[in-house]
Amino acid sequence: MDSRPVGRAAVRRAFVAAWQADPDVQWLKGQHFVQGEFAISQ
């Protein structure tokens, strides 16, 4: 992906694209952080 998805629809499309590119992708034991309107998952 070349750019950061902005908005709910764009994030949804990015996740769909991730699973289409690699159907076995998994996020196990993830960590999630939220600060105001900024969020990150690793």
PDB file of N, CA and C in Angstrom:
ATOM      1  N   MET A   1       0.846  -1.163   0.000  1.00  0.00           N
ATOM      2  CA  MET A   1       0.000   0.000   0.000  1.00  0.00           C
ATOM      3  C   MET A   1       0.896   1.231   0.000  1.00  0.00           C
ATOM      4  N   ASP A   2       0.590   2.160  -0.852  1.00  0.00           N
ATOM      5  CA  ASP A   2       1.442   3.338  -1.016  1.00  0.00           C
ATOM      6  C   ASP A   2       1.069   4.503  -0.113  1.00  0.00           C
ATOM      7  N   SER A   3      -0.140   4.505   0.419  1.00  0.00           N
ATOM      8  CA  SER A   3      -0.557   5.647   1.225  1.00  0.00           C
ATOM      9  C   SER A   3      -1.366   5.164   2.424  1.00  0.00           C
ATOM     10  N   ARG A   4      -1.545   6.051   3.357  1.00  0.00           N
ATOM     11  CA  ARG A   4      -2.300   5.752   4.573  1.00  0.00           C
ATOM     12  C   ARG A   4      -3.787   5.858   4.279  1.00  0.00           C
ATOM     13  N   PRO A   5      -4.566   4.825   4.600  1.00  0.00           N
ATOM     14  CA  PRO A   5      -6.007   4.919   4.373  1.00  0.00           C
ATOM     15  C   PRO A   5      -6.647   5.902   5.352  1.00  0.00           C
ATOM     16  N   VAL A   6      -7.519   6.736   4.862  1.00  0.00           N
ATOM     17  CA  VAL A   6      -8.207   7.720   5.695  1.00  0.00           C
ATOM     18  C   VAL A   6      -9.700   7.484   5.560  1.00  0.00           C
ATOM     19  N   GLY A   7     -10.375   7.327   6.676  1.00  0.00           N
ATOM     20  CA  GLY A   7     -11.813   7.103   6.672  1.00  0.00           C
ATOM     21  C   GLY A   7     -12.151   5.624   6.750  1.00  0.00           C
ATOM     22  N   ARG A   8     -13.338   5.365   7.252  1.00  0.00           N
ATOM     23  CA  ARG A   8     -13.775   3.995   7.473  1.00  0.00           C
ATOM     24  C   ARG A   8     -13.768   3.151   6.196  1.00  0.00           C
ATOM     25  N   ALA A   9     -14.288   3.684   5.103  1.00  0.00           N
ATOM     26  CA  ALA A   9     -14.351   2.924   3.845  1.00  0.00           C
ATOM     27  C   ALA A   9     -12.951   2.609   3.325  1.00  0.00           C
ATOM     28  N   ALA A  10     -12.036   3.559   3.431  1.00  0.00           N
ATOM     29  CA  ALA A  10     -10.668   3.346   2.957  1.00  0.00           C
ATOM     30  C   ALA A  10      -9.948   2.292   3.797  1.00  0.00           C
ATOM     31  N   VAL A  11     -10.170   2.318   5.100  1.00  0.00           N
ATOM     32  CA  VAL A  11      -9.563   1.303   5.980  1.00  0.00           C
ATOM     33  C   VAL A  11     -10.130  -0.073   5.640  1.00  0.00           C
ATOM     34  N   ARG A  12     -11.428  -0.131   5.424  1.00  0.00           N
ATOM     35  CA  ARG A  12     -12.053  -1.409   5.050  1.00  0.00           C
ATOM     36  C   ARG A  12     -11.442  -1.957   3.759  1.00  0.00           C
ATOM     37  N   ARG A  13     -11.279  -1.089   2.744  1.00  0.00           N
ATOM     38  CA  ARG A  13     -10.678  -1.521   1.474  1.00  0.00           C
ATOM     39  C   ARG A  13      -9.243  -1.996   1.690  1.00  0.00           C
ATOM     40  N   ALA A  14      -8.501  -1.330   2.576  1.00  0.00           N
ATOM     41  CA  ALA A  14      -7.116  -1.724   2.849  1.00  0.00           C
ATOM     42  C   ALA A  14      -7.061  -3.120   3.471  1.00  0.00           C
ATOM     43  N   PHE A  15      -7.967  -3.418   4.398  1.00  0.00           N
ATOM     44  CA  PHE A  15      -7.988  -4.755   4.997  1.00  0.00           C
ATOM     45  C   PHE A  15      -8.374  -5.810   3.964  1.00  0.00           C
ATOM     46  N   VAL A  16      -9.355  -5.514   3.133  1.00  0.00           N
ATOM     47  CA  VAL A  16      -9.742  -6.456   2.076  1.00  0.00           C
ATOM     48  C   VAL A  16      -8.552  -6.728   1.165  1.00  0.00           C
ATOM     49  N   ALA A  17      -7.841  -5.689   0.785  1.00  0.00           N
ATOM     50  CA  ALA A  17      -6.672  -5.846  -0.088  1.00  0.00           C
ATOM     51  C   ALA A  17      -5.592  -6.686   0.587  1.00  0.00           C
ATOM     52  N   ALA A  18      -5.405  -6.505   1.900  1.00  0.00           N
ATOM     53  CA  ALA A  18      -4.395  -7.288   2.625  1.00  0.00           C
ATOM     54  C   ALA A  18      -4.727  -8.775   2.570  1.00  0.00           C
ATOM     55  N   TRP A  19      -5.988  -9.135   2.793  1.00  0.00           N
ATOM     56  CA  TRP A  19      -6.365 -10.541   2.767  1.00  0.00           C
ATOM     57  C   TRP A  19      -6.388 -11.104   1.343  1.00  0.00           C
ATOM     58  N   GLN A  20      -6.650 -10.286   0.361  1.00  0.00           N
ATOM     59  CA  GLN A  20      -6.593 -10.763  -1.022  1.00  0.00           C
ATOM     60  C   GLN A  20      -5.148 -11.015  -1.427  1.00  0.00           C
ATOM     61  N   ALA A  21      -4.236 -10.181  -0.969  1.00  0.00           N
ATOM     62  CA  ALA A  21      -2.816 -10.339  -1.307  1.00  0.00           C
ATOM     63  C   ALA A  21      -2.201 -11.529  -0.579  1.00  0.00           C
ATOM     64  N   ASP A  22      -2.635 -11.787   0.658  1.00  0.00           N
ATOM     65  CA  ASP A  22      -2.088 -12.884   1.452  1.00  0.00           C
ATOM     66  C   ASP A  22      -3.208 -13.463   2.313  1.00  0.00           C
ATOM     67  N   PRO A  23      -3.929 -14.455   1.801  1.00  0.00           N
ATOM     68  CA  PRO A  23      -5.092 -14.981   2.507  1.00  0.00           C
ATOM     69  C   PRO A  23      -4.771 -15.609   3.869  1.00  0.00           C
ATOM     70  N   ASP A  24      -3.512 -15.919   4.122  1.00  0.00           N
ATOM     71  CA  ASP A  24      -3.126 -16.530   5.393  1.00  0.00           C
ATOM     72  C   ASP A  24      -2.635 -15.509   6.409  1.00  0.00           C
ATOM     73  N   VAL A  25      -2.789 -14.230   6.123  1.00  0.00           N
ATOM     74  CA  VAL A  25      -2.309 -13.183   7.035  1.00  0.00           C
ATOM     75  C   VAL A  25      -3.009 -13.310   8.394  1.00  0.00           C
ATOM     76  N   GLN A  26      -2.240 -13.093   9.458  1.00  0.00           N
ATOM     77  CA  GLN A  26      -2.773 -13.167  10.825  1.00  0.00           C
ATOM     78  C   GLN A  26      -2.145 -12.082  11.676  1.00  0.00           C
ATOM     79  N   TRP A  27      -2.930 -11.555  12.578  1.00  0.00           N
ATOM     80  CA  TRP A  27      -2.404 -10.633  13.589  1.00  0.00           C
ATOM     81  C   TRP A  27      -2.661 -11.291  14.937  1.00  0.00           C
ATOM     82  N   LEU A  28      -1.620 -11.916  15.480  1.00  0.00           N
ATOM     83  CA  LEU A  28      -1.732 -12.592  16.766  1.00  0.00           C
ATOM     84  C   LEU A  28      -1.002 -11.793  17.832  1.00  0.00           C
ATOM     85  N   LYS A  29      -1.566 -11.787  19.019  1.00  0.00           N
ATOM     86  CA  LYS A  29      -0.957 -11.097  20.162  1.00  0.00           C
ATOM     87  C   LYS A  29      -0.670  -9.632  19.843  1.00  0.00           C
ATOM     88  N   GLY A  30      -1.593  -8.984  19.196  1.00  0.00           N
ATOM     89  CA  GLY A  30      -1.414  -7.590  18.810  1.00  0.00           C
ATOM     90  C   GLY A  30      -1.484  -6.646  20.001  1.00  0.00           C
ATOM     91  N   GLN A  31      -0.888  -5.497  19.836  1.00  0.00           N
ATOM     92  CA  GLN A  31      -0.972  -4.432  20.821  1.00  0.00           C
ATOM     93  C   GLN A  31      -1.630  -3.237  20.143  1.00  0.00           C
ATOM     94  N   HIS A  32      -2.533  -2.581  20.851  1.00  0.00           N
ATOM     95  CA  HIS A  32      -3.291  -1.479  20.290  1.00  0.00           C
ATOM     96  C   HIS A  32      -3.199  -0.275  21.225  1.00  0.00           C
ATOM     97  N   PHE A  33      -2.998   0.886  20.637  1.00  0.00           N
ATOM     98  CA  PHE A  33      -2.856   2.113  21.406  1.00  0.00           C
ATOM     99  C   PHE A  33      -3.760   3.181  20.795  1.00  0.00           C
ATOM    100  N   VAL A  34      -4.421   3.945  21.650  1.00  0.00           N
ATOM    101  CA  VAL A  34      -5.281   5.036  21.188  1.00  0.00           C
ATOM    102  C   VAL A  34      -4.947   6.295  21.986  1.00  0.00           C
ATOM    103  N   GLN A  35      -4.764   7.391  21.279  1.00  0.00           N
ATOM    104  CA  GLN A  35      -4.531   8.689  21.902  1.00  0.00           C
ATOM    105  C   GLN A  35      -5.405   9.686  21.159  1.00  0.00           C
ATOM    106  N   GLY A  36      -6.516  10.094  21.744  1.00  0.00           N
ATOM    107  CA  GLY A  36      -7.430  10.998  21.051  1.00  0.00           C
ATOM    108  C   GLY A  36      -7.985  10.345  19.798  1.00  0.00           C
ATOM    109  N   GLU A  37      -7.780  10.963  18.655  1.00  0.00           N
ATOM    110  CA  GLU A  37      -8.264  10.408  17.383  1.00  0.00           C
ATOM    111  C   GLU A  37      -7.197   9.598  16.667  1.00  0.00           C
ATOM    112  N   PHE A  38      -6.049   9.383  17.285  1.00  0.00           N
ATOM    113  CA  PHE A  38      -4.942   8.638  16.684  1.00  0.00           C
ATOM    114  C   PHE A  38      -4.895   7.249  17.296  1.00  0.00           C
ATOM    115  N   ALA A  39      -4.803   6.229  16.466  1.00  0.00           N
ATOM    116  CA  ALA A  39      -4.715   4.849  16.949  1.00  0.00           C
ATOM    117  C   ALA A  39      -3.652   4.105  16.155  1.00  0.00           C
ATOM    118  N   ILE A  40      -3.014   3.164  16.816  1.00  0.00           N
ATOM    119  CA  ILE A  40      -2.012   2.336  16.147  1.00  0.00           C
ATOM    120  C   ILE A  40      -2.142   0.917  16.640  1.00  0.00           C
ATOM    121  N   SER A  41      -1.973  -0.024  15.759  1.00  0.00           N
ATOM    122  CA  SER A  41      -1.937  -1.451  16.101  1.00  0.00           C
ATOM    123  C   SER A  41      -0.632  -2.001  15.583  1.00  0.00           C
ATOM    124  N   GLN A  42       0.000  -2.796  16.421  1.00  0.00           N
ATOM    125  CA  GLN A  42       1.248  -3.432  15.963  1.00  0.00           C
ATOM    126  C   GLN A  42       1.221  -4.886  16.315  1.00  0.00           C
TER     127      GLN A  42
END
